[in-house]
């Protein structure tokens, strides 16, 4: 299953501004999940690795295509609707609003775990 952003959100994102218009479009179309997505974007919490996008929230959530590792997506939404992390990634892709790392996330996590630290 593929999730597509609604027209209002796409149009606001394509303007390239992380302002009220985008916030309003996300909130009106996706409710609290849209509001959280805007927060992730504003706080620069979307990261792009060679293999996955990651959104840093309480934990690091891996987003791959139309899948997210968060419980909201898997349990509450039953993988039928996008969670805040998927929304944030989709908007970030349109706006090129993410930090990009030239490493594989799985390798990065392996190094981090070996050192016994969490990265945020």
PDB file of N, CA and C in Angstrom:
ATOM      1  N   UNK A   1       0.844  -1.178   0.000  1.00  0.00           N
ATOM      2  CA  UNK A   1       0.000   0.000   0.000  1.00  0.00           C
ATOM      3  C   UNK A   1       0.888   1.239   0.000  1.00  0.00           C
ATOM      4  N   UNK A   2       0.500   2.202  -0.795  1.00  0.00           N
ATOM      5  CA  UNK A   2       1.262   3.427  -0.901  1.00  0.00           C
ATOM      6  C   UNK A   2       0.426   4.583  -0.370  1.00  0.00           C
ATOM      7  N   UNK A   3       1.061   5.471   0.379  1.00  0.00           N
ATOM      8  CA  UNK A   3       0.360   6.627   0.917  1.00  0.00           C
ATOM      9  C   UNK A   3       0.761   7.857   0.128  1.00  0.00           C
ATOM     10  N   UNK A   4      -0.227   8.618  -0.259  1.00  0.00           N
ATOM     11  CA  UNK A   4       0.036   9.842  -0.995  1.00  0.00           C
ATOM     12  C   UNK A   4      -0.449  11.021  -0.176  1.00  0.00           C
ATOM     13  N   UNK A   5       0.297  12.099  -0.223  1.00  0.00           N
ATOM     14  CA  UNK A   5      -0.127  13.304   0.475  1.00  0.00           C
ATOM     15  C   UNK A   5      -1.306  13.930  -0.247  1.00  0.00           C
ATOM     16  N   UNK A   6      -2.225  14.514   0.510  1.00  0.00           N
ATOM     17  CA  UNK A   6      -3.365  15.189  -0.114  1.00  0.00           C
ATOM     18  C   UNK A   6      -2.881  16.448  -0.829  1.00  0.00           C
ATOM     19  N   UNK A   7      -3.685  16.900  -1.774  1.00  0.00           N
ATOM     20  CA  UNK A   7      -3.327  18.016  -2.644  1.00  0.00           C
ATOM     21  C   UNK A   7      -2.917  19.273  -1.858  1.00  0.00           C
ATOM     22  N   UNK A   8      -3.683  19.637  -0.824  1.00  0.00           N
ATOM     23  CA  UNK A   8      -3.386  20.852  -0.042  1.00  0.00           C
ATOM     24  C   UNK A   8      -1.983  20.807   0.554  1.00  0.00           C
ATOM     25  N   UNK A   9      -1.612  19.644   1.079  1.00  0.00           N
ATOM     26  CA  UNK A   9      -0.301  19.494   1.708  1.00  0.00           C
ATOM     27  C   UNK A   9       0.796  19.557   0.652  1.00  0.00           C
ATOM     28  N   UNK A  10       0.588  18.884  -0.472  1.00  0.00           N
ATOM     29  CA  UNK A  10       1.581  18.911  -1.553  1.00  0.00           C
ATOM     30  C   UNK A  10       1.821  20.333  -2.037  1.00  0.00           C
ATOM     31  N   UNK A  11       0.737  21.072  -2.266  1.00  0.00           N
ATOM     32  CA  UNK A  11       0.863  22.441  -2.764  1.00  0.00           C
ATOM     33  C   UNK A  11       1.599  23.330  -1.766  1.00  0.00           C
ATOM     34  N   UNK A  12       1.272  23.198  -0.497  1.00  0.00           N
ATOM     35  CA  UNK A  12       1.939  24.005   0.539  1.00  0.00           C
ATOM     36  C   UNK A  12       3.421  23.639   0.634  1.00  0.00           C
ATOM     37  N   UNK A  13       3.725  22.351   0.551  1.00  0.00           N
ATOM     38  CA  UNK A  13       5.118  21.897   0.652  1.00  0.00           C
ATOM     39  C   UNK A  13       5.933  22.360  -0.545  1.00  0.00           C
ATOM     40  N   UNK A  14       5.343  22.351  -1.724  1.00  0.00           N
ATOM     41  CA  UNK A  14       6.070  22.742  -2.934  1.00  0.00           C
ATOM     42  C   UNK A  14       6.439  24.223  -2.938  1.00  0.00           C
ATOM     43  N   UNK A  15       5.786  25.016  -2.096  1.00  0.00           N
ATOM     44  CA  UNK A  15       6.140  26.437  -1.984  1.00  0.00           C
ATOM     45  C   UNK A  15       7.460  26.606  -1.240  1.00  0.00           C
ATOM     46  N   UNK A  16       7.882  25.542  -0.559  1.00  0.00           N
ATOM     47  CA  UNK A  16       9.198  25.546   0.069  1.00  0.00           C
ATOM     48  C   UNK A  16       9.304  26.257   1.396  1.00  0.00           C
ATOM     49  N   UNK A  17       8.193  26.684   1.951  1.00  0.00           N
ATOM     50  CA  UNK A  17       8.241  27.380   3.231  1.00  0.00           C
ATOM     51  C   UNK A  17       7.631  26.514   4.324  1.00  0.00           C
ATOM     52  N   UNK A  18       8.327  26.473   5.427  1.00  0.00           N
ATOM     53  CA  UNK A  18       7.860  25.716   6.582  1.00  0.00           C
ATOM     54  C   UNK A  18       7.067  26.669   7.470  1.00  0.00           C
ATOM     55  N   UNK A  19       5.924  27.105   6.960  1.00  0.00           N
ATOM     56  CA  UNK A  19       5.141  28.123   7.655  1.00  0.00           C
ATOM     57  C   UNK A  19       3.717  27.693   7.942  1.00  0.00           C
ATOM     58  N   UNK A  20       2.887  28.689   8.197  1.00  0.00           N
ATOM     59  CA  UNK A  20       1.515  28.455   8.628  1.00  0.00           C
ATOM     60  C   UNK A  20       0.697  27.689   7.602  1.00  0.00           C
ATOM     61  N   UNK A  21       0.888  27.973   6.322  1.00  0.00           N
ATOM     62  CA  UNK A  21       0.098  27.302   5.286  1.00  0.00           C
ATOM     63  C   UNK A  21       0.310  25.778   5.326  1.00  0.00           C
ATOM     64  N   UNK A  22       1.548  25.366   5.461  1.00  0.00           N
ATOM     65  CA  UNK A  22       1.844  23.936   5.547  1.00  0.00           C
ATOM     66  C   UNK A  22       1.313  23.356   6.847  1.00  0.00           C
ATOM     67  N   UNK A  23       1.523  24.065   7.940  1.00  0.00           N
ATOM     68  CA  UNK A  23       1.011  23.612   9.246  1.00  0.00           C
ATOM     69  C   UNK A  23      -0.502  23.405   9.170  1.00  0.00           C
ATOM     70  N   UNK A  24      -1.198  24.394   8.630  1.00  0.00           N
ATOM     71  CA  UNK A  24      -2.668  24.332   8.524  1.00  0.00           C
ATOM     72  C   UNK A  24      -3.114  23.146   7.659  1.00  0.00           C
ATOM     73  N   UNK A  25      -2.454  22.962   6.529  1.00  0.00           N
ATOM     74  CA  UNK A  25      -2.817  21.861   5.623  1.00  0.00           C
ATOM     75  C   UNK A  25      -2.609  20.506   6.305  1.00  0.00           C
ATOM     76  N   UNK A  26      -1.483  20.354   6.997  1.00  0.00           N
ATOM     77  CA  UNK A  26      -1.226  19.088   7.707  1.00  0.00           C
ATOM     78  C   UNK A  26      -2.246  18.870   8.817  1.00  0.00           C
ATOM     79  N   UNK A  27      -2.510  19.912   9.592  1.00  0.00           N
ATOM     80  CA  UNK A  27      -3.446  19.798  10.713  1.00  0.00           C
ATOM     81  C   UNK A  27      -4.861  19.485  10.235  1.00  0.00           C
ATOM     82  N   UNK A  28      -5.338  20.207   9.234  1.00  0.00           N
ATOM     83  CA  UNK A  28      -6.713  20.007   8.758  1.00  0.00           C
ATOM     84  C   UNK A  28      -6.921  18.649   8.088  1.00  0.00           C
ATOM     85  N   UNK A  29      -5.891  18.150   7.426  1.00  0.00           N
ATOM     86  CA  UNK A  29      -6.041  16.891   6.699  1.00  0.00           C
ATOM     87  C   UNK A  29      -5.658  15.656   7.504  1.00  0.00           C
ATOM     88  N   UNK A  30      -4.768  15.825   8.491  1.00  0.00           N
ATOM     89  CA  UNK A  30      -4.274  14.656   9.219  1.00  0.00           C
ATOM     90  C   UNK A  30      -4.377  14.782  10.737  1.00  0.00           C
ATOM     91  N   UNK A  31      -4.952  15.871  11.229  1.00  0.00           N
ATOM     92  CA  UNK A  31      -5.158  16.038  12.670  1.00  0.00           C
ATOM     93  C   UNK A  31      -3.854  16.075  13.452  1.00  0.00           C
ATOM     94  N   UNK A  32      -3.887  15.433  14.626  1.00  0.00           N
ATOM     95  CA  UNK A  32      -2.717  15.473  15.511  1.00  0.00           C
ATOM     96  C   UNK A  32      -1.482  14.843  14.862  1.00  0.00           C
ATOM     97  N   UNK A  33      -1.669  13.878  13.986  1.00  0.00           N
ATOM     98  CA  UNK A  33      -0.518  13.274  13.296  1.00  0.00           C
ATOM     99  C   UNK A  33       0.128  14.281  12.340  1.00  0.00           C
ATOM    100  N   UNK A  34      -0.687  15.080  11.696  1.00  0.00           N
ATOM    101  CA  UNK A  34      -0.160  16.134  10.830  1.00  0.00           C
ATOM    102  C   UNK A  34       0.584  17.193  11.628  1.00  0.00           C
ATOM    103  N   UNK A  35       0.053  17.518  12.795  1.00  0.00           N
ATOM    104  CA  UNK A  35       0.711  18.495  13.664  1.00  0.00           C
ATOM    105  C   UNK A  35       2.066  17.967  14.140  1.00  0.00           C
ATOM    106  N   UNK A  36       2.112  16.688  14.504  1.00  0.00           N
ATOM    107  CA  UNK A  36       3.390  16.082  14.908  1.00  0.00           C
ATOM    108  C   UNK A  36       4.371  16.056  13.741  1.00  0.00           C
ATOM    109  N   UNK A  37       3.888  15.776  12.550  1.00  0.00           N
ATOM    110  CA  UNK A  37       4.752  15.760  11.369  1.00  0.00           C
ATOM    111  C   UNK A  37       5.380  17.139  11.164  1.00  0.00           C
ATOM    112  N   UNK A  38       4.587  18.183  11.328  1.00  0.00           N
ATOM    113  CA  UNK A  38       5.106  19.543  11.184  1.00  0.00           C
ATOM    114  C   UNK A  38       6.190  19.812  12.232  1.00  0.00           C
ATOM    115  N   UNK A  39       5.965  19.359  13.449  1.00  0.00           N
ATOM    116  CA  UNK A  39       6.965  19.513  14.512  1.00  0.00           C
ATOM    117  C   UNK A  39       8.275  18.832  14.124  1.00  0.00           C
ATOM    118  N   UNK A  40       8.197  17.600  13.618  1.00  0.00           N
ATOM    119  CA  UNK A  40       9.403  16.880  13.213  1.00  0.00           C
ATOM    120  C   UNK A  40      10.159  17.646  12.120  1.00  0.00           C
ATOM    121  N   UNK A  41       9.414  18.229  11.201  1.00  0.00           N
ATOM    122  CA  UNK A  41      10.033  19.000  10.122  1.00  0.00           C
ATOM    123  C   UNK A  41      10.684  20.275  10.665  1.00  0.00           C
ATOM    124  N   UNK A  42       9.935  20.981  11.497  1.00  0.00           N
ATOM    125  CA  UNK A  42      10.433  22.246  12.059  1.00  0.00           C
ATOM    126  C   UNK A  42      11.684  22.037  12.908  1.00  0.00           C
ATOM    127  N   UNK A  43      11.720  20.914  13.616  1.00  0.00           N
ATOM    128  CA  UNK A  43      12.847  20.619  14.506  1.00  0.00           C
ATOM    129  C   UNK A  43      13.974  19.862  13.792  1.00  0.00           C
ATOM    130  N   UNK A  44      13.851  19.723  12.479  1.00  0.00           N
ATOM    131  CA  UNK A  44      14.876  19.058  11.668  1.00  0.00           C
ATOM    132  C   UNK A  44      15.167  17.634  12.153  1.00  0.00           C
ATOM    133  N   UNK A  45      14.126  16.856  12.342  1.00  0.00           N
ATOM    134  CA  UNK A  45      14.275  15.508  12.874  1.00  0.00           C
ATOM    135  C   UNK A  45      14.175  14.409  11.820  1.00  0.00           C
ATOM    136  N   UNK A  46      14.166  14.784  10.564  1.00  0.00           N
ATOM    137  CA  UNK A  46      14.109  13.792   9.485  1.00  0.00           C
ATOM    138  C   UNK A  46      15.526  13.596   8.956  1.00  0.00           C
ATOM    139  N   UNK A  47      15.964  12.341   8.930  1.00  0.00           N
ATOM    140  CA  UNK A  47      17.316  11.986   8.495  1.00  0.00           C
ATOM    141  C   UNK A  47      17.214  10.994   7.338  1.00  0.00           C
ATOM    142  N   UNK A  48      18.054  11.200   6.338  1.00  0.00           N
ATOM    143  CA  UNK A  48      18.074  10.276   5.201  1.00  0.00           C
ATOM    144  C   UNK A  48      19.401   9.534   5.189  1.00  0.00           C
ATOM    145  N   UNK A  49      19.317   8.228   5.236  1.00  0.00           N
ATOM    146  CA  UNK A  49      20.487   7.366   5.122  1.00  0.00           C
ATOM    147  C   UNK A  49      20.437   6.685   3.758  1.00  0.00           C
ATOM    148  N   UNK A  50      21.441   5.930   3.413  1.00  0.00           N
ATOM    149  CA  UNK A  50      21.461   5.237   2.121  1.00  0.00           C
ATOM    150  C   UNK A  50      20.320   4.235   1.987  1.00  0.00           C
ATOM    151  N   UNK A  51      19.895   3.650   3.116  1.00  0.00           N
ATOM    152  CA  UNK A  51      18.890   2.593   3.051  1.00  0.00           C
ATOM    153  C   UNK A  51      17.503   3.009   3.535  1.00  0.00           C
ATOM    154  N   UNK A  52      17.406   3.958   4.452  1.00  0.00           N
ATOM    155  CA  UNK A  52      16.119   4.324   5.037  1.00  0.00           C
ATOM    156  C   UNK A  52      16.091   5.805   5.388  1.00  0.00           C
ATOM    157  N   UNK A  53      14.874   6.283   5.589  1.00  0.00           N
ATOM    158  CA  UNK A  53      14.690   7.558   6.273  1.00  0.00           C
ATOM    159  C   UNK A  53      14.462   7.218   7.739  1.00  0.00           C
ATOM    160  N   UNK A  54      14.882   8.091   8.617  1.00  0.00           N
ATOM    161  CA  UNK A  54      14.679   7.919  10.052  1.00  0.00           C
ATOM    162  C   UNK A  54      14.117   9.226  10.589  1.00  0.00           C
ATOM    163  N   UNK A  55      13.094   9.114  11.441  1.00  0.00           N
ATOM    164  CA  UNK A  55      12.545  10.282  12.123  1.00  0.00           C
ATOM    165  C   UNK A  55      12.847  10.125  13.602  1.00  0.00           C
ATOM    166  N   UNK A  56      13.465  11.138  14.171  1.00  0.00           N
ATOM    167  CA  UNK A  56      13.843  11.089  15.576  1.00  0.00           C
ATOM    168  C   UNK A  56      12.712  11.660  16.415  1.00  0.00           C
ATOM    169  N   UNK A  57      12.102  10.777  17.193  1.00  0.00           N
ATOM    170  CA  UNK A  57      11.056  11.161  18.136  1.00  0.00           C
ATOM    171  C   UNK A  57      11.499  10.711  19.510  1.00  0.00           C
ATOM    172  N   UNK A  58      10.615  10.065  20.244  1.00  0.00           N
ATOM    173  CA  UNK A  58      11.035   9.468  21.519  1.00  0.00           C
ATOM    174  C   UNK A  58      12.108   8.422  21.275  1.00  0.00           C
ATOM    175  N   UNK A  59      12.003   7.802  20.123  1.00  0.00           N
ATOM    176  CA  UNK A  59      12.987   6.825  19.645  1.00  0.00           C
ATOM    177  C   UNK A  59      13.317   7.210  18.205  1.00  0.00           C
ATOM    178  N   UNK A  60      14.143   6.423  17.575  1.00  0.00           N
ATOM    179  CA  UNK A  60      14.389   6.620  16.152  1.00  0.00           C
ATOM    180  C   UNK A  60      13.474   5.663  15.391  1.00  0.00           C
ATOM    181  N   UNK A  61      12.608   6.236  14.557  1.00  0.00           N
ATOM    182  CA  UNK A  61      11.642   5.443  13.808  1.00  0.00           C
ATOM    183  C   UNK A  61      12.096   5.325  12.361  1.00  0.00           C
ATOM    184  N   UNK A  62      12.198   4.105  11.892  1.00  0.00           N
ATOM    185  CA  UNK A  62      12.618   3.850  10.517  1.00  0.00           C
ATOM    186  C   UNK A  62      11.392   3.910   9.616  1.00  0.00           C
ATOM    187  N   UNK A  63      11.507   4.681   8.547  1.00  0.00           N
ATOM    188  CA  UNK A  63      10.433   4.804   7.561  1.00  0.00           C
ATOM    189  C   UNK A  63      10.988   4.317   6.232  1.00  0.00           C
ATOM    190  N   UNK A  64      10.306   3.334   5.664  1.00  0.00           N
ATOM    191  CA  UNK A  64      10.710   2.774   4.383  1.00  0.00           C
ATOM    192  C   UNK A  64       9.469   2.635   3.517  1.00  0.00           C
ATOM    193  N   UNK A  65       9.421   3.462   2.462  1.00  0.00           N
ATOM    194  CA  UNK A  65       8.259   3.488   1.576  1.00  0.00           C
ATOM    195  C   UNK A  65       7.007   3.809   2.391  1.00  0.00           C
ATOM    196  N   UNK A  66       6.085   2.873   2.495  1.00  0.00           N
ATOM    197  CA  UNK A  66       4.832   3.095   3.223  1.00  0.00           C
ATOM    198  C   UNK A  66       4.799   2.292   4.513  1.00  0.00           C
ATOM    199  N   UNK A  67       5.921   2.207   5.181  1.00  0.00           N
ATOM    200  CA  UNK A  67       6.010   1.455   6.439  1.00  0.00           C
ATOM    201  C   UNK A  67       6.781   2.273   7.463  1.00  0.00           C
ATOM    202  N   UNK A  68       6.359   2.171   8.719  1.00  0.00           N
ATOM    203  CA  UNK A  68       7.073   2.826   9.816  1.00  0.00           C
ATOM    204  C   UNK A  68       7.160   1.840  10.978  1.00  0.00           C
ATOM    205  N   UNK A  69       8.234   1.941  11.732  1.00  0.00           N
ATOM    206  CA  UNK A  69       8.440   1.031  12.857  1.00  0.00           C
ATOM    207  C   UNK A  69       7.698   1.459  14.122  1.00  0.00           C
ATOM    208  N   UNK A  70       6.980   2.576  14.091  1.00  0.00           N
ATOM    209  CA  UNK A  70       6.291   3.041  15.307  1.00  0.00           C
ATOM    210  C   UNK A  70       5.037   2.211  15.609  1.00  0.00           C
ATOM    211  N   UNK A  71       4.685   2.185  16.877  1.00  0.00           N
ATOM    212  CA  UNK A  71       3.501   1.428  17.307  1.00  0.00           C
ATOM    213  C   UNK A  71       2.212   2.050  16.789  1.00  0.00           C
ATOM    214  N   UNK A  72       2.164   3.371  16.664  1.00  0.00           N
ATOM    215  CA  UNK A  72       0.960   4.030  16.161  1.00  0.00           C
ATOM    216  C   UNK A  72       0.608   3.496  14.777  1.00  0.00           C
ATOM    217  N   UNK A  73       1.603   3.410  13.907  1.00  0.00           N
ATOM    218  CA  UNK A  73       1.366   2.912  12.554  1.00  0.00           C
ATOM    219  C   UNK A  73       0.968   1.438  12.562  1.00  0.00           C
ATOM    220  N   UNK A  74       1.671   0.642  13.312  1.00  0.00           N
ATOM    221  CA  UNK A  74       1.454  -0.805  13.290  1.00  0.00           C
ATOM    222  C   UNK A  74       0.216  -1.253  14.054  1.00  0.00           C
ATOM    223  N   UNK A  75      -0.072  -0.597  15.177  1.00  0.00           N
ATOM    224  CA  UNK A  75      -1.182  -1.052  16.023  1.00  0.00           C
ATOM    225  C   UNK A  75      -2.435  -0.202  15.839  1.00  0.00           C
ATOM    226  N   UNK A  76      -2.316   1.100  16.048  1.00  0.00           N
ATOM    227  CA  UNK A  76      -3.499   1.966  15.988  1.00  0.00           C
ATOM    228  C   UNK A  76      -4.031   2.145  14.570  1.00  0.00           C
ATOM    229  N   UNK A  77      -3.138   2.391  13.631  1.00  0.00           N
ATOM    230  CA  UNK A  77      -3.559   2.630  12.252  1.00  0.00           C
ATOM    231  C   UNK A  77      -3.625   1.360  11.420  1.00  0.00           C
ATOM    232  N   UNK A  78      -3.120   0.275  11.983  1.00  0.00           N
ATOM    233  CA  UNK A  78      -3.123  -1.039  11.323  1.00  0.00           C
ATOM    234  C   UNK A  78      -2.566  -0.966   9.895  1.00  0.00           C
ATOM    235  N   UNK A  79      -1.576  -0.110   9.717  1.00  0.00           N
ATOM    236  CA  UNK A  79      -0.888   0.073   8.431  1.00  0.00           C
ATOM    237  C   UNK A  79      -1.832   0.501   7.300  1.00  0.00           C
ATOM    238  N   UNK A  80      -2.970   1.108   7.661  1.00  0.00           N
ATOM    239  CA  UNK A  80      -3.937   1.535   6.651  1.00  0.00           C
ATOM    240  C   UNK A  80      -3.862   3.027   6.344  1.00  0.00           C
ATOM    241  N   UNK A  81      -3.269   3.798   7.268  1.00  0.00           N
ATOM    242  CA  UNK A  81      -3.130   5.245   7.101  1.00  0.00           C
ATOM    243  C   UNK A  81      -1.721   5.635   7.517  1.00  0.00           C
ATOM    244  N   UNK A  82      -1.247   6.774   7.034  1.00  0.00           N
ATOM    245  CA  UNK A  82       0.117   7.189   7.397  1.00  0.00           C
ATOM    246  C   UNK A  82       0.197   7.754   8.818  1.00  0.00           C
ATOM    247  N   UNK A  83       1.274   7.426   9.497  1.00  0.00           N
ATOM    248  CA  UNK A  83       1.542   7.998  10.822  1.00  0.00           C
ATOM    249  C   UNK A  83       2.274   9.330  10.635  1.00  0.00           C
ATOM    250  N   UNK A  84       2.555  10.006  11.727  1.00  0.00           N
ATOM    251  CA  UNK A  84       3.246  11.293  11.677  1.00  0.00           C
ATOM    252  C   UNK A  84       4.630  11.168  11.050  1.00  0.00           C
ATOM    253  N   UNK A  85       5.289  10.032  11.262  1.00  0.00           N
ATOM    254  CA  UNK A  85       6.649   9.843  10.739  1.00  0.00           C
ATOM    255  C   UNK A  85       6.644   9.705   9.217  1.00  0.00           C
ATOM    256  N   UNK A  86       5.683   8.963   8.697  1.00  0.00           N
ATOM    257  CA  UNK A  86       5.552   8.821   7.240  1.00  0.00           C
ATOM    258  C   UNK A  86       5.200  10.169   6.625  1.00  0.00           C
ATOM    259  N   UNK A  87       4.278  10.898   7.259  1.00  0.00           N
ATOM    260  CA  UNK A  87       3.909  12.222   6.756  1.00  0.00           C
ATOM    261  C   UNK A  87       5.124  13.149   6.722  1.00  0.00           C
ATOM    262  N   UNK A  88       5.896  13.145   7.803  1.00  0.00           N
ATOM    263  CA  UNK A  88       7.084  14.004   7.872  1.00  0.00           C
ATOM    264  C   UNK A  88       8.076  13.663   6.765  1.00  0.00           C
ATOM    265  N   UNK A  89       8.284  12.384   6.532  1.00  0.00           N
ATOM    266  CA  UNK A  89       9.228  11.963   5.490  1.00  0.00           C
ATOM    267  C   UNK A  89       8.728  12.378   4.108  1.00  0.00           C
ATOM    268  N   UNK A  90       7.453  12.172   3.834  1.00  0.00           N
ATOM    269  CA  UNK A  90       6.916  12.517   2.512  1.00  0.00           C
ATOM    270  C   UNK A  90       7.010  14.017   2.241  1.00  0.00           C
ATOM    271  N   UNK A  91       6.714  14.833   3.249  1.00  0.00           N
ATOM    272  CA  UNK A  91       6.832  16.287   3.079  1.00  0.00           C
ATOM    273  C   UNK A  91       8.310  16.671   2.963  1.00  0.00           C
ATOM    274  N   UNK A  92       9.149  16.063   3.781  1.00  0.00           N
ATOM    275  CA  UNK A  92      10.587  16.352   3.737  1.00  0.00           C
ATOM    276  C   UNK A  92      11.174  16.042   2.358  1.00  0.00           C
ATOM    277  N   UNK A  93      10.721  14.979   1.728  1.00  0.00           N
ATOM    278  CA  UNK A  93      11.197  14.641   0.378  1.00  0.00           C
ATOM    279  C   UNK A  93      10.834  15.745  -0.613  1.00  0.00           C
ATOM    280  N   UNK A  94       9.601  16.239  -0.525  1.00  0.00           N
ATOM    281  CA  UNK A  94       9.163  17.298  -1.445  1.00  0.00           C
ATOM    282  C   UNK A  94       9.959  18.580  -1.240  1.00  0.00           C
ATOM    283  N   UNK A  95      10.286  18.880   0.012  1.00  0.00           N
ATOM    284  CA  UNK A  95      10.949  20.134   0.347  1.00  0.00           C
ATOM    285  C   UNK A  95      12.475  19.999   0.442  1.00  0.00           C
ATOM    286  N   UNK A  96      12.977  18.760   0.286  1.00  0.00           N
ATOM    287  CA  UNK A  96      14.419  18.497   0.475  1.00  0.00           C
ATOM    288  C   UNK A  96      14.856  18.994   1.861  1.00  0.00           C
ATOM    289  N   UNK A  97      14.047  18.650   2.849  1.00  0.00           N
ATOM    290  CA  UNK A  97      14.225  19.163   4.209  1.00  0.00           C
ATOM    291  C   UNK A  97      14.613  18.025   5.149  1.00  0.00           C
ATOM    292  N   UNK A  98      15.822  17.510   4.951  1.00  0.00           N
ATOM    293  CA  UNK A  98      16.312  16.430   5.793  1.00  0.00           C
ATOM    294  C   UNK A  98      17.834  16.478   5.820  1.00  0.00           C
ATOM    295  N   UNK A  99      18.386  15.918   6.877  1.00  0.00           N
ATOM    296  CA  UNK A  99      19.840  15.750   6.947  1.00  0.00           C
ATOM    297  C   UNK A  99      20.172  14.459   6.223  1.00  0.00           C
ATOM    298  N   UNK A 100      21.185  14.498   5.387  1.00  0.00           N
ATOM    299  CA  UNK A 100      21.545  13.312   4.606  1.00  0.00           C
ATOM    300  C   UNK A 100      22.885  12.760   5.084  1.00  0.00           C
ATOM    301  N   UNK A 101      22.911  11.448   5.270  1.00  0.00           N
ATOM    302  CA  UNK A 101      24.109  10.760   5.732  1.00  0.00           C
ATOM    303  C   UNK A 101      24.524   9.734   4.677  1.00  0.00           C
ATOM    304  N   UNK A 102      25.775   9.730   4.330  1.00  0.00           N
ATOM    305  CA  UNK A 102      26.287   8.824   3.295  1.00  0.00           C
ATOM    306  C   UNK A 102      26.730   7.497   3.908  1.00  0.00           C
ATOM    307  N   UNK A 103      25.881   6.935   4.740  1.00  0.00           N
ATOM    308  CA  UNK A 103      26.119   5.636   5.376  1.00  0.00           C
ATOM    309  C   UNK A 103      24.793   4.887   5.415  1.00  0.00           C
ATOM    310  N   UNK A 104      24.890   3.599   5.613  1.00  0.00           N
ATOM    311  CA  UNK A 104      23.688   2.795   5.792  1.00  0.00           C
ATOM    312  C   UNK A 104      23.267   2.888   7.250  1.00  0.00           C
ATOM    313  N   UNK A 105      21.974   3.072   7.476  1.00  0.00           N
ATOM    314  CA  UNK A 105      21.469   3.201   8.837  1.00  0.00           C
ATOM    315  C   UNK A 105      21.798   1.965   9.666  1.00  0.00           C
ATOM    316  N   UNK A 106      21.678   0.793   9.067  1.00  0.00           N
ATOM    317  CA  UNK A 106      21.952  -0.440   9.821  1.00  0.00           C
ATOM    318  C   UNK A 106      23.415  -0.479  10.268  1.00  0.00           C
ATOM    319  N   UNK A 107      24.336   0.016   9.454  1.00  0.00           N
ATOM    320  CA  UNK A 107      25.742   0.078   9.856  1.00  0.00           C
ATOM    321  C   UNK A 107      25.951   1.120  10.937  1.00  0.00           C
ATOM    322  N   UNK A 108      25.280   2.259  10.788  1.00  0.00           N
ATOM    323  CA  UNK A 108      25.379   3.327  11.779  1.00  0.00           C
ATOM    324  C   UNK A 108      24.880   2.838  13.138  1.00  0.00           C
ATOM    325  N   UNK A 109      23.761   2.145  13.152  1.00  0.00           N
ATOM    326  CA  UNK A 109      23.202   1.636  14.413  1.00  0.00           C
ATOM    327  C   UNK A 109      24.124   0.593  15.020  1.00  0.00           C
ATOM    328  N   UNK A 110      24.732  -0.236  14.191  1.00  0.00           N
ATOM    329  CA  UNK A 110      25.667  -1.247  14.684  1.00  0.00           C
ATOM    330  C   UNK A 110      26.849  -0.582  15.387  1.00  0.00           C
ATOM    331  N   UNK A 111      27.386   0.474  14.785  1.00  0.00           N
ATOM    332  CA  UNK A 111      28.504   1.203  15.399  1.00  0.00           C
ATOM    333  C   UNK A 111      28.073   1.853  16.710  1.00  0.00           C
ATOM    334  N   UNK A 112      26.879   2.437  16.712  1.00  0.00           N
ATOM    335  CA  UNK A 112      26.367   3.111  17.899  1.00  0.00           C
ATOM    336  C   UNK A 112      26.159   2.124  19.040  1.00  0.00           C
ATOM    337  N   UNK A 113      25.597   0.962  18.737  1.00  0.00           N
ATOM    338  CA  UNK A 113      25.351  -0.039  19.770  1.00  0.00           C
ATOM    339  C   UNK A 113      26.656  -0.580  20.344  1.00  0.00           C
ATOM    340  N   UNK A 114      27.651  -0.728  19.487  1.00  0.00           N
ATOM    341  CA  UNK A 114      28.946  -1.214  19.966  1.00  0.00           C
ATOM    342  C   UNK A 114      29.594  -0.222  20.920  1.00  0.00           C
ATOM    343  N   UNK A 115      29.334   1.049  20.689  1.00  0.00           N
ATOM    344  CA  UNK A 115      29.881   2.083  21.571  1.00  0.00           C
ATOM    345  C   UNK A 115      29.027   2.282  22.810  1.00  0.00           C
ATOM    346  N   UNK A 116      27.803   1.748  22.794  1.00  0.00           N
ATOM    347  CA  UNK A 116      26.915   1.861  23.943  1.00  0.00           C
ATOM    348  C   UNK A 116      26.264   3.226  24.087  1.00  0.00           C
ATOM    349  N   UNK A 117      26.086   3.917  22.970  1.00  0.00           N
ATOM    350  CA  UNK A 117      25.475   5.240  23.004  1.00  0.00           C
ATOM    351  C   UNK A 117      24.274   5.299  22.089  1.00  0.00           C
ATOM    352  N   UNK A 118      23.430   6.272  22.396  1.00  0.00           N
ATOM    353  CA  UNK A 118      22.292   6.566  21.525  1.00  0.00           C
ATOM    354  C   UNK A 118      22.567   7.892  20.861  1.00  0.00           C
ATOM    355  N   UNK A 119      22.250   7.998  19.576  1.00  0.00           N
ATOM    356  CA  UNK A 119      22.450   9.244  18.849  1.00  0.00           C
ATOM    357  C   UNK A 119      21.127   9.962  18.688  1.00  0.00           C
ATOM    358  N   UNK A 120      21.102  11.248  18.904  1.00  0.00           N
ATOM    359  CA  UNK A 120      19.895  12.070  18.703  1.00  0.00           C
ATOM    360  C   UNK A 120      20.262  13.343  18.035  1.00  0.00           C
TER     361      UNK A 120
END
